[in-house]
Amino acid sequence: MNQILLVGIGGFFGTILRHLIAQFSFSSSWLTSTIIVNTAGSLLIGFLFSIPSLKNNESLYLFLITGLLGGFTTYSAFSGETLNLVLRQQFSLAISYVLLTLLGGLSFCFVGFFLGKWINY
C-alpha cells in the first residue's frame, strides 16, 4: 500500500506540473507544451538514471520516476526504458521497442479515431 501511495503522490505532483507548464508555455500551441514536457521529462529521467544510489532506494525511485515523471510525461518512461535497453547493449530490442511504440501508438490512435467515427455516425 505504501508503494501505491508513493506513486500516487508523485503522479499527483507530476500532473500538476505538466498542467502548469501547459498554462505558462511560451506559445499558445499545445504542441509546444507537449514537446517541452516530453523533452524535459526525458532529460530528468536520464539524469535520475545516472544516480546509482537511486536504484537502491525503492521508495524514492517509485516517487520520482514512476510517480512524478510518470504523471508528468509517459514519454519519459519510454525514453528511460529505451535507455536501459541500450545500456544493457540490447540494441535490437531497443530499436524494436522504439519502432513498435511509435508506429503502434500512431496506428492505434488512427484506428481508434476511425472506429469512433464509424460507431458514432
Foldseek 3Di string as FASTA:
>chain_A
DLLVVLQAVLLVQLQVVLVVCCVPPPDVDSVRSVVVLLVVLLVVLVVCVVDVVCVVVSSNCSNHPNRNSVNNDCSNVLSNVLVVCVVVVVVVVSVVSVVCCVVVVVVVVVVVVVVVVVVVD
